[in-house]
């Protein structure tokens, strides 16, 4: 599932899915793709700083892109969506999965 930044349709659908599939607070796995650029990776990581997140990065085979996976406990679907919006707003060219 991929989102264009600020896609309200995407967020509305995601919120409904999150309400139906988990009891909150719950662990949630974010996945983002950014061009391999240390600054972009740090920007994504900083958004989840001091939240107890487990962050993993994996570079693509050709090294052009990096996948950033962030696992942490979120209090509710609105908090999950808030972070997606923050990343989309602050990190240029990010792809949310």
PDB file of N, CA and C in Angstrom:
ATOM      1  N   UNK A   1       0.855  -1.167   0.000  1.00  0.00           N
ATOM      2  CA  UNK A   1       0.000   0.000   0.000  1.00  0.00           C
ATOM      3  C   UNK A   1       0.902   1.230   0.000  1.00  0.00           C
ATOM      4  N   UNK A   2       0.774   2.050  -0.993  1.00  0.00           N
ATOM      5  CA  UNK A   2       1.638   3.211  -1.118  1.00  0.00           C
ATOM      6  C   UNK A   2       0.789   4.471  -1.056  1.00  0.00           C
ATOM      7  N   UNK A   3       1.358   5.521  -0.539  1.00  0.00           N
ATOM      8  CA  UNK A   3       0.581   6.747  -0.381  1.00  0.00           C
ATOM      9  C   UNK A   3       1.272   7.916  -1.034  1.00  0.00           C
ATOM     10  N   UNK A   4       0.492   8.743  -1.677  1.00  0.00           N
ATOM     11  CA  UNK A   4       1.023  10.014  -2.091  1.00  0.00           C
ATOM     12  C   UNK A   4       0.891  10.907  -0.869  1.00  0.00           C
ATOM     13  N   UNK A   5       1.854  11.795  -0.641  1.00  0.00           N
ATOM     14  CA  UNK A   5       1.774  12.634   0.567  1.00  0.00           C
ATOM     15  C   UNK A   5       0.417  13.332   0.671  1.00  0.00           C
ATOM     16  N   UNK A   6      -0.119  13.341   1.880  1.00  0.00           N
ATOM     17  CA  UNK A   6      -1.382  14.001   2.201  1.00  0.00           C
ATOM     18  C   UNK A   6      -2.600  13.402   1.506  1.00  0.00           C
ATOM     19  N   UNK A   7      -2.541  12.147   1.099  1.00  0.00           N
ATOM     20  CA  UNK A   7      -3.672  11.495   0.464  1.00  0.00           C
ATOM     21  C   UNK A   7      -4.714  11.158   1.531  1.00  0.00           C
ATOM     22  N   UNK A   8      -5.742  11.987   1.640  1.00  0.00           N
ATOM     23  CA  UNK A   8      -6.760  11.799   2.678  1.00  0.00           C
ATOM     24  C   UNK A   8      -7.478  10.462   2.521  1.00  0.00           C
ATOM     25  N   UNK A   9      -7.661  10.025   1.290  1.00  0.00           N
ATOM     26  CA  UNK A   9      -8.304   8.735   1.020  1.00  0.00           C
ATOM     27  C   UNK A   9      -7.485   7.604   1.650  1.00  0.00           C
ATOM     28  N   UNK A  10      -6.164   7.656   1.459  1.00  0.00           N
ATOM     29  CA  UNK A  10      -5.254   6.664   2.025  1.00  0.00           C
ATOM     30  C   UNK A  10      -5.378   6.639   3.550  1.00  0.00           C
ATOM     31  N   UNK A  11      -5.352   7.801   4.182  1.00  0.00           N
ATOM     32  CA  UNK A  11      -5.385   7.890   5.645  1.00  0.00           C
ATOM     33  C   UNK A  11      -6.730   7.418   6.208  1.00  0.00           C
ATOM     34  N   UNK A  12      -7.808   7.737   5.500  1.00  0.00           N
ATOM     35  CA  UNK A  12      -9.146   7.334   5.937  1.00  0.00           C
ATOM     36  C   UNK A  12      -9.253   5.805   5.927  1.00  0.00           C
ATOM     37  N   UNK A  13      -8.779   5.187   4.842  1.00  0.00           N
ATOM     38  CA  UNK A  13      -8.803   3.737   4.691  1.00  0.00           C
ATOM     39  C   UNK A  13      -7.913   3.077   5.751  1.00  0.00           C
ATOM     40  N   UNK A  14      -6.731   3.642   5.950  1.00  0.00           N
ATOM     41  CA  UNK A  14      -5.791   3.101   6.933  1.00  0.00           C
ATOM     42  C   UNK A  14      -6.392   3.154   8.330  1.00  0.00           C
ATOM     43  N   UNK A  15      -7.017   4.260   8.677  1.00  0.00           N
ATOM     44  CA  UNK A  15      -7.609   4.405  10.010  1.00  0.00           C
ATOM     45  C   UNK A  15      -8.668   3.329  10.250  1.00  0.00           C
ATOM     46  N   UNK A  16      -9.508   3.079   9.246  1.00  0.00           N
ATOM     47  CA  UNK A  16     -10.537   2.053   9.371  1.00  0.00           C
ATOM     48  C   UNK A  16      -9.900   0.676   9.555  1.00  0.00           C
ATOM     49  N   UNK A  17      -8.853   0.374   8.782  1.00  0.00           N
ATOM     50  CA  UNK A  17      -8.160  -0.910   8.897  1.00  0.00           C
ATOM     51  C   UNK A  17      -7.528  -1.061  10.278  1.00  0.00           C
ATOM     52  N   UNK A  18      -6.908  -0.009  10.768  1.00  0.00           N
ATOM     53  CA  UNK A  18      -6.247  -0.070  12.069  1.00  0.00           C
ATOM     54  C   UNK A  18      -7.250  -0.295  13.194  1.00  0.00           C
ATOM     55  N   UNK A  19      -8.409   0.339  13.099  1.00  0.00           N
ATOM     56  CA  UNK A  19      -9.452   0.152  14.119  1.00  0.00           C
ATOM     57  C   UNK A  19      -9.938  -1.287  14.131  1.00  0.00           C
ATOM     58  N   UNK A  20     -10.002  -1.896  12.935  1.00  0.00           N
ATOM     59  CA  UNK A  20     -10.540  -3.251  12.813  1.00  0.00           C
ATOM     60  C   UNK A  20      -9.548  -4.354  13.164  1.00  0.00           C
ATOM     61  N   UNK A  21      -8.254  -4.075  13.081  1.00  0.00           N
ATOM     62  CA  UNK A  21      -7.269  -5.157  13.196  1.00  0.00           C
ATOM     63  C   UNK A  21      -6.465  -5.192  14.485  1.00  0.00           C
ATOM     64  N   UNK A  22      -6.580  -4.198  15.334  1.00  0.00           N
ATOM     65  CA  UNK A  22      -5.734  -4.206  16.537  1.00  0.00           C
ATOM     66  C   UNK A  22      -6.454  -3.601  17.729  1.00  0.00           C
ATOM     67  N   UNK A  23      -6.020  -4.023  18.897  1.00  0.00           N
ATOM     68  CA  UNK A  23      -6.451  -3.390  20.139  1.00  0.00           C
ATOM     69  C   UNK A  23      -5.382  -2.366  20.489  1.00  0.00           C
ATOM     70  N   UNK A  24      -5.792  -1.193  20.879  1.00  0.00           N
ATOM     71  CA  UNK A  24      -4.827  -0.111  21.122  1.00  0.00           C
ATOM     72  C   UNK A  24      -4.654   0.152  22.598  1.00  0.00           C
ATOM     73  N   UNK A  25      -3.450   0.552  23.052  1.00  0.00           N
ATOM     74  CA  UNK A  25      -2.210   0.741  22.296  1.00  0.00           C
ATOM     75  C   UNK A  25      -1.707  -0.583  21.715  1.00  0.00           C
ATOM     76  N   UNK A  26      -0.992  -0.470  20.574  1.00  0.00           N
ATOM     77  CA  UNK A  26      -0.524  -1.645  19.865  1.00  0.00           C
ATOM     78  C   UNK A  26       0.808  -1.357  19.180  1.00  0.00           C
ATOM     79  N   UNK A  27       1.547  -2.453  18.925  1.00  0.00           N
ATOM     80  CA  UNK A  27       2.806  -2.314  18.197  1.00  0.00           C
ATOM     81  C   UNK A  27       2.472  -2.075  16.722  1.00  0.00           C
ATOM     82  N   UNK A  28       3.213  -1.178  16.083  1.00  0.00           N
ATOM     83  CA  UNK A  28       2.959  -0.863  14.677  1.00  0.00           C
ATOM     84  C   UNK A  28       4.284  -0.803  13.935  1.00  0.00           C
ATOM     85  N   UNK A  29       4.283  -1.318  12.699  1.00  0.00           N
ATOM     86  CA  UNK A  29       5.486  -1.304  11.867  1.00  0.00           C
ATOM     87  C   UNK A  29       5.299  -0.328  10.715  1.00  0.00           C
ATOM     88  N   UNK A  30       6.090   0.738  10.732  1.00  0.00           N
ATOM     89  CA  UNK A  30       6.114   1.704   9.632  1.00  0.00           C
ATOM     90  C   UNK A  30       7.179   1.251   8.645  1.00  0.00           C
ATOM     91  N   UNK A  31       6.922   1.476   7.352  1.00  0.00           N
ATOM     92  CA  UNK A  31       7.939   1.215   6.333  1.00  0.00           C
ATOM     93  C   UNK A  31       7.965   2.411   5.390  1.00  0.00           C
ATOM     94  N   UNK A  32       9.160   2.918   5.190  1.00  0.00           N
ATOM     95  CA  UNK A  32       9.355   4.047   4.288  1.00  0.00           C
ATOM     96  C   UNK A  32      10.487   3.723   3.334  1.00  0.00           C
ATOM     97  N   UNK A  33      10.414   4.279   2.130  1.00  0.00           N
ATOM     98  CA  UNK A  33      11.497   4.157   1.157  1.00  0.00           C
ATOM     99  C   UNK A  33      11.963   5.575   0.853  1.00  0.00           C
ATOM    100  N   UNK A  34      13.282   5.771   0.930  1.00  0.00           N
ATOM    101  CA  UNK A  34      13.868   7.069   0.577  1.00  0.00           C
ATOM    102  C   UNK A  34      15.064   6.820  -0.342  1.00  0.00           C
ATOM    103  N   UNK A  35      15.415   7.843  -1.121  1.00  0.00           N
ATOM    104  CA  UNK A  35      16.644   7.731  -1.887  1.00  0.00           C
ATOM    105  C   UNK A  35      17.774   7.580  -0.881  1.00  0.00           C
ATOM    106  N   UNK A  36      18.777   6.785  -1.229  1.00  0.00           N
ATOM    107  CA  UNK A  36      19.876   6.561  -0.296  1.00  0.00           C
ATOM    108  C   UNK A  36      20.631   7.878  -0.128  1.00  0.00           C
ATOM    109  N   UNK A  37      20.369   8.511   0.991  1.00  0.00           N
ATOM    110  CA  UNK A  37      20.954   9.802   1.344  1.00  0.00           C
ATOM    111  C   UNK A  37      20.914   9.860   2.868  1.00  0.00           C
ATOM    112  N   UNK A  38      22.098   9.941   3.470  1.00  0.00           N
ATOM    113  CA  UNK A  38      22.194   9.909   4.938  1.00  0.00           C
ATOM    114  C   UNK A  38      21.270  10.940   5.587  1.00  0.00           C
ATOM    115  N   UNK A  39      21.159  12.126   4.995  1.00  0.00           N
ATOM    116  CA  UNK A  39      20.306  13.164   5.582  1.00  0.00           C
ATOM    117  C   UNK A  39      18.840  12.764   5.597  1.00  0.00           C
ATOM    118  N   UNK A  40      18.356  12.160   4.503  1.00  0.00           N
ATOM    119  CA  UNK A  40      16.945  11.744   4.446  1.00  0.00           C
ATOM    120  C   UNK A  40      16.665  10.638   5.463  1.00  0.00           C
ATOM    121  N   UNK A  41      17.592   9.697   5.588  1.00  0.00           N
ATOM    122  CA  UNK A  41      17.425   8.598   6.546  1.00  0.00           C
ATOM    123  C   UNK A  41      17.378   9.154   7.970  1.00  0.00           C
ATOM    124  N   UNK A  42      18.266  10.074   8.272  1.00  0.00           N
ATOM    125  CA  UNK A  42      18.304  10.697   9.604  1.00  0.00           C
ATOM    126  C   UNK A  42      17.021  11.497   9.850  1.00  0.00           C
ATOM    127  N   UNK A  43      16.510  12.168   8.829  1.00  0.00           N
ATOM    128  CA  UNK A  43      15.261  12.921   8.985  1.00  0.00           C
ATOM    129  C   UNK A  43      14.133  11.993   9.421  1.00  0.00           C
ATOM    130  N   UNK A  44      14.014  10.835   8.751  1.00  0.00           N
ATOM    131  CA  UNK A  44      12.966   9.876   9.109  1.00  0.00           C
ATOM    132  C   UNK A  44      13.193   9.379  10.537  1.00  0.00           C
ATOM    133  N   UNK A  45      14.425   8.979  10.849  1.00  0.00           N
ATOM    134  CA  UNK A  45      14.740   8.457  12.181  1.00  0.00           C
ATOM    135  C   UNK A  45      14.432   9.482  13.272  1.00  0.00           C
ATOM    136  N   UNK A  46      14.752  10.751  13.021  1.00  0.00           N
ATOM    137  CA  UNK A  46      14.543  11.793  14.027  1.00  0.00           C
ATOM    138  C   UNK A  46      13.072  12.008  14.373  1.00  0.00           C
ATOM    139  N   UNK A  47      12.183  11.749  13.429  1.00  0.00           N
ATOM    140  CA  UNK A  47      10.753  11.908  13.682  1.00  0.00           C
ATOM    141  C   UNK A  47      10.276  10.915  14.748  1.00  0.00           C
ATOM    142  N   UNK A  48      10.969   9.770  14.843  1.00  0.00           N
ATOM    143  CA  UNK A  48      10.594   8.737  15.814  1.00  0.00           C
ATOM    144  C   UNK A  48      11.564   8.681  16.990  1.00  0.00           C
ATOM    145  N   UNK A  49      12.438   9.673  17.102  1.00  0.00           N
ATOM    146  CA  UNK A  49      13.438   9.726  18.156  1.00  0.00           C
ATOM    147  C   UNK A  49      12.778   9.798  19.535  1.00  0.00           C
ATOM    148  N   UNK A  50      13.383   9.154  20.519  1.00  0.00           N
ATOM    149  CA  UNK A  50      12.913   9.175  21.916  1.00  0.00           C
ATOM    150  C   UNK A  50      11.512   8.602  22.108  1.00  0.00           C
ATOM    151  N   UNK A  51      11.117   7.680  21.233  1.00  0.00           N
ATOM    152  CA  UNK A  51       9.804   7.047  21.375  1.00  0.00           C
ATOM    153  C   UNK A  51       9.938   5.548  21.652  1.00  0.00           C
ATOM    154  N   UNK A  52      11.161   5.077  21.800  1.00  0.00           N
ATOM    155  CA  UNK A  52      11.387   3.651  22.035  1.00  0.00           C
ATOM    156  C   UNK A  52      11.279   2.818  20.769  1.00  0.00           C
ATOM    157  N   UNK A  53      11.483   3.444  19.635  1.00  0.00           N
ATOM    158  CA  UNK A  53      11.351   2.753  18.352  1.00  0.00           C
ATOM    159  C   UNK A  53      12.568   1.888  18.044  1.00  0.00           C
ATOM    160  N   UNK A  54      12.303   0.748  17.382  1.00  0.00           N
ATOM    161  CA  UNK A  54      13.370  -0.088  16.846  1.00  0.00           C
ATOM    162  C   UNK A  54      13.419   0.239  15.360  1.00  0.00           C
ATOM    163  N   UNK A  55      14.574   0.764  14.909  1.00  0.00           N
ATOM    164  CA  UNK A  55      14.697   1.232  13.531  1.00  0.00           C
ATOM    165  C   UNK A  55      15.727   0.395  12.790  1.00  0.00           C
ATOM    166  N   UNK A  56      15.319  -0.118  11.612  1.00  0.00           N
ATOM    167  CA  UNK A  56      16.222  -0.886  10.749  1.00  0.00           C
ATOM    168  C   UNK A  56      16.243  -0.258   9.367  1.00  0.00           C
ATOM    169  N   UNK A  57      17.412  -0.210   8.758  1.00  0.00           N
ATOM    170  CA  UNK A  57      17.524   0.291   7.393  1.00  0.00           C
ATOM    171  C   UNK A  57      18.157  -0.785   6.519  1.00  0.00           C
ATOM    172  N   UNK A  58      17.668  -0.886   5.285  1.00  0.00           N
ATOM    173  CA  UNK A  58      18.213  -1.839   4.320  1.00  0.00           C
ATOM    174  C   UNK A  58      18.338  -1.117   2.985  1.00  0.00           C
ATOM    175  N   UNK A  59      19.544  -1.143   2.440  1.00  0.00           N
ATOM    176  CA  UNK A  59      19.796  -0.512   1.153  1.00  0.00           C
ATOM    177  C   UNK A  59      19.368  -1.450   0.032  1.00  0.00           C
ATOM    178  N   UNK A  60      18.844  -0.884  -1.053  1.00  0.00           N
ATOM    179  CA  UNK A  60      18.451  -1.708  -2.196  1.00  0.00           C
ATOM    180  C   UNK A  60      19.696  -2.302  -2.852  1.00  0.00           C
ATOM    181  N   UNK A  61      19.466  -3.309  -3.704  1.00  0.00           N
ATOM    182  CA  UNK A  61      20.586  -3.997  -4.361  1.00  0.00           C
ATOM    183  C   UNK A  61      21.527  -3.045  -5.084  1.00  0.00           C
ATOM    184  N   UNK A  62      20.956  -2.099  -5.804  1.00  0.00           N
ATOM    185  CA  UNK A  62      21.794  -1.165  -6.560  1.00  0.00           C
ATOM    186  C   UNK A  62      22.228   0.048  -5.731  1.00  0.00           C
ATOM    187  N   UNK A  63      21.770   0.127  -4.485  1.00  0.00           N
ATOM    188  CA  UNK A  63      22.189   1.199  -3.587  1.00  0.00           C
ATOM    189  C   UNK A  63      21.496   2.523  -3.796  1.00  0.00           C
ATOM    190  N   UNK A  64      20.527   2.568  -4.696  1.00  0.00           N
ATOM    191  CA  UNK A  64      19.858   3.836  -5.013  1.00  0.00           C
ATOM    192  C   UNK A  64      18.826   4.237  -3.946  1.00  0.00           C
ATOM    193  N   UNK A  65      18.182   3.229  -3.339  1.00  0.00           N
ATOM    194  CA  UNK A  65      17.144   3.491  -2.338  1.00  0.00           C
ATOM    195  C   UNK A  65      17.438   2.768  -1.032  1.00  0.00           C
ATOM    196  N   UNK A  66      16.850   3.286   0.053  1.00  0.00           N
ATOM    197  CA  UNK A  66      16.984   2.650   1.361  1.00  0.00           C
ATOM    198  C   UNK A  66      15.596   2.501   1.968  1.00  0.00           C
ATOM    199  N   UNK A  67      15.341   1.302   2.494  1.00  0.00           N
ATOM    200  CA  UNK A  67      14.093   1.017   3.205  1.00  0.00           C
ATOM    201  C   UNK A  67      14.341   1.301   4.683  1.00  0.00           C
ATOM    202  N   UNK A  68      13.452   2.058   5.287  1.00  0.00           N
ATOM    203  CA  UNK A  68      13.549   2.363   6.716  1.00  0.00           C
ATOM    204  C   UNK A  68      12.321   1.758   7.390  1.00  0.00           C
ATOM    205  N   UNK A  69      12.557   0.751   8.250  1.00  0.00           N
ATOM    206  CA  UNK A  69      11.472   0.098   8.995  1.00  0.00           C
ATOM    207  C   UNK A  69      11.539   0.559  10.438  1.00  0.00           C
ATOM    208  N   UNK A  70      10.386   0.960  10.962  1.00  0.00           N
ATOM    209  CA  UNK A  70      10.326   1.486  12.325  1.00  0.00           C
ATOM    210  C   UNK A  70       9.220   0.750  13.070  1.00  0.00           C
ATOM    211  N   UNK A  71       9.596   0.091  14.149  1.00  0.00           N
ATOM    212  CA  UNK A  71       8.648  -0.681  14.938  1.00  0.00           C
ATOM    213  C   UNK A  71       8.523  -0.040  16.318  1.00  0.00           C
ATOM    214  N   UNK A  72       7.292   0.309  16.703  1.00  0.00           N
ATOM    215  CA  UNK A  72       7.093   0.886  18.021  1.00  0.00           C
ATOM    216  C   UNK A  72       5.635   0.777  18.454  1.00  0.00           C
ATOM    217  N   UNK A  73       5.401   0.999  19.728  1.00  0.00           N
ATOM    218  CA  UNK A  73       4.043   0.947  20.271  1.00  0.00           C
ATOM    219  C   UNK A  73       3.411   2.327  20.090  1.00  0.00           C
ATOM    220  N   UNK A  74       2.230   2.318  19.465  1.00  0.00           N
ATOM    221  CA  UNK A  74       1.483   3.556  19.254  1.00  0.00           C
ATOM    222  C   UNK A  74       0.190   3.469  20.052  1.00  0.00           C
ATOM    223  N   UNK A  75      -0.309   4.643  20.507  1.00  0.00           N
ATOM    224  CA  UNK A  75      -1.475   4.620  21.403  1.00  0.00           C
ATOM    225  C   UNK A  75      -2.802   4.407  20.692  1.00  0.00           C
ATOM    226  N   UNK A  76      -2.907   4.845  19.419  1.00  0.00           N
ATOM    227  CA  UNK A  76      -4.162   4.660  18.682  1.00  0.00           C
ATOM    228  C   UNK A  76      -3.945   4.928  17.186  1.00  0.00           C
ATOM    229  N   UNK A  77      -4.931   4.605  16.337  1.00  0.00           N
ATOM    230  CA  UNK A  77      -4.783   4.826  14.897  1.00  0.00           C
ATOM    231  C   UNK A  77      -4.487   6.278  14.531  1.00  0.00           C
ATOM    232  N   UNK A  78      -5.054   7.226  15.263  1.00  0.00           N
ATOM    233  CA  UNK A  78      -4.789   8.641  14.965  1.00  0.00           C
ATOM    234  C   UNK A  78      -3.309   8.977  15.154  1.00  0.00           C
ATOM    235  N   UNK A  79      -2.681   8.405  16.171  1.00  0.00           N
ATOM    236  CA  UNK A  79      -1.256   8.641  16.415  1.00  0.00           C
ATOM    237  C   UNK A  79      -0.418   8.042  15.286  1.00  0.00           C
ATOM    238  N   UNK A  80      -0.835   6.880  14.769  1.00  0.00           N
ATOM    239  CA  UNK A  80      -0.137   6.244  13.648  1.00  0.00           C
ATOM    240  C   UNK A  80      -0.191   7.164  12.430  1.00  0.00           C
ATOM    241  N   UNK A  81      -1.369   7.645  12.116  1.00  0.00           N
ATOM    242  CA  UNK A  81      -1.568   8.499  10.938  1.00  0.00           C
ATOM    243  C   UNK A  81      -0.841   9.830  11.094  1.00  0.00           C
ATOM    244  N   UNK A  82      -0.833  10.368  12.299  1.00  0.00           N
ATOM    245  CA  UNK A  82      -0.126  11.625  12.571  1.00  0.00           C
ATOM    246  C   UNK A  82       1.360  11.505  12.187  1.00  0.00           C
ATOM    247  N   UNK A  83       1.970  10.370  12.518  1.00  0.00           N
ATOM    248  CA  UNK A  83       3.392  10.158  12.186  1.00  0.00           C
ATOM    249  C   UNK A  83       3.594  10.030  10.682  1.00  0.00           C
ATOM    250  N   UNK A  84       2.676   9.322   9.995  1.00  0.00           N
ATOM    251  CA  UNK A  84       2.780   9.226   8.536  1.00  0.00           C
ATOM    252  C   UNK A  84       2.760  10.621   7.909  1.00  0.00           C
ATOM    253  N   UNK A  85       1.832  11.457   8.388  1.00  0.00           N
ATOM    254  CA  UNK A  85       1.704  12.816   7.848  1.00  0.00           C
ATOM    255  C   UNK A  85       2.955  13.638   8.142  1.00  0.00           C
ATOM    256  N   UNK A  86       3.509  13.473   9.345  1.00  0.00           N
ATOM    257  CA  UNK A  86       4.714  14.216   9.711  1.00  0.00           C
ATOM    258  C   UNK A  86       5.889  13.832   8.812  1.00  0.00           C
ATOM    259  N   UNK A  87       6.048  12.546   8.559  1.00  0.00           N
ATOM    260  CA  UNK A  87       7.133  12.090   7.681  1.00  0.00           C
ATOM    261  C   UNK A  87       6.922  12.630   6.272  1.00  0.00           C
ATOM    262  N   UNK A  88       5.693  12.536   5.747  1.00  0.00           N
ATOM    263  CA  UNK A  88       5.397  13.021   4.398  1.00  0.00           C
ATOM    264  C   UNK A  88       5.684  14.522   4.273  1.00  0.00           C
ATOM    265  N   UNK A  89       5.409  15.263   5.339  1.00  0.00           N
ATOM    266  CA  UNK A  89       5.606  16.716   5.336  1.00  0.00           C
ATOM    267  C   UNK A  89       7.083  17.102   5.433  1.00  0.00           C
ATOM    268  N   UNK A  90       7.853  16.355   6.228  1.00  0.00           N
ATOM    269  CA  UNK A  90       9.229  16.755   6.523  1.00  0.00           C
ATOM    270  C   UNK A  90      10.306  16.117   5.646  1.00  0.00           C
ATOM    271  N   UNK A  91      10.002  14.975   5.012  1.00  0.00           N
ATOM    272  CA  UNK A  91      11.015  14.257   4.243  1.00  0.00           C
ATOM    273  C   UNK A  91      10.622  14.249   2.775  1.00  0.00           C
ATOM    274  N   UNK A  92      11.335  15.024   1.986  1.00  0.00           N
ATOM    275  CA  UNK A  92      11.021  15.160   0.571  1.00  0.00           C
ATOM    276  C   UNK A  92      11.256  13.847  -0.171  1.00  0.00           C
ATOM    277  N   UNK A  93      10.274  13.453  -0.993  1.00  0.00           N
ATOM    278  CA  UNK A  93      10.402  12.269  -1.838  1.00  0.00           C
ATOM    279  C   UNK A  93      10.219  10.938  -1.141  1.00  0.00           C
ATOM    280  N   UNK A  94       9.756  10.943   0.117  1.00  0.00           N
ATOM    281  CA  UNK A  94       9.569   9.689   0.849  1.00  0.00           C
ATOM    282  C   UNK A  94       8.366   8.924   0.286  1.00  0.00           C
ATOM    283  N   UNK A  95       8.481   7.598   0.290  1.00  0.00           N
ATOM    284  CA  UNK A  95       7.365   6.729  -0.096  1.00  0.00           C
ATOM    285  C   UNK A  95       6.956   5.961   1.149  1.00  0.00           C
ATOM    286  N   UNK A  96       5.680   6.031   1.491  1.00  0.00           N
ATOM    287  CA  UNK A  96       5.145   5.317   2.658  1.00  0.00           C
ATOM    288  C   UNK A  96       4.524   4.019   2.193  1.00  0.00           C
ATOM    289  N   UNK A  97       4.831   2.935   2.888  1.00  0.00           N
ATOM    290  CA  UNK A  97       4.254   1.631   2.534  1.00  0.00           C
ATOM    291  C   UNK A  97       3.344   1.159   3.654  1.00  0.00           C
TER     292      UNK A  97
END
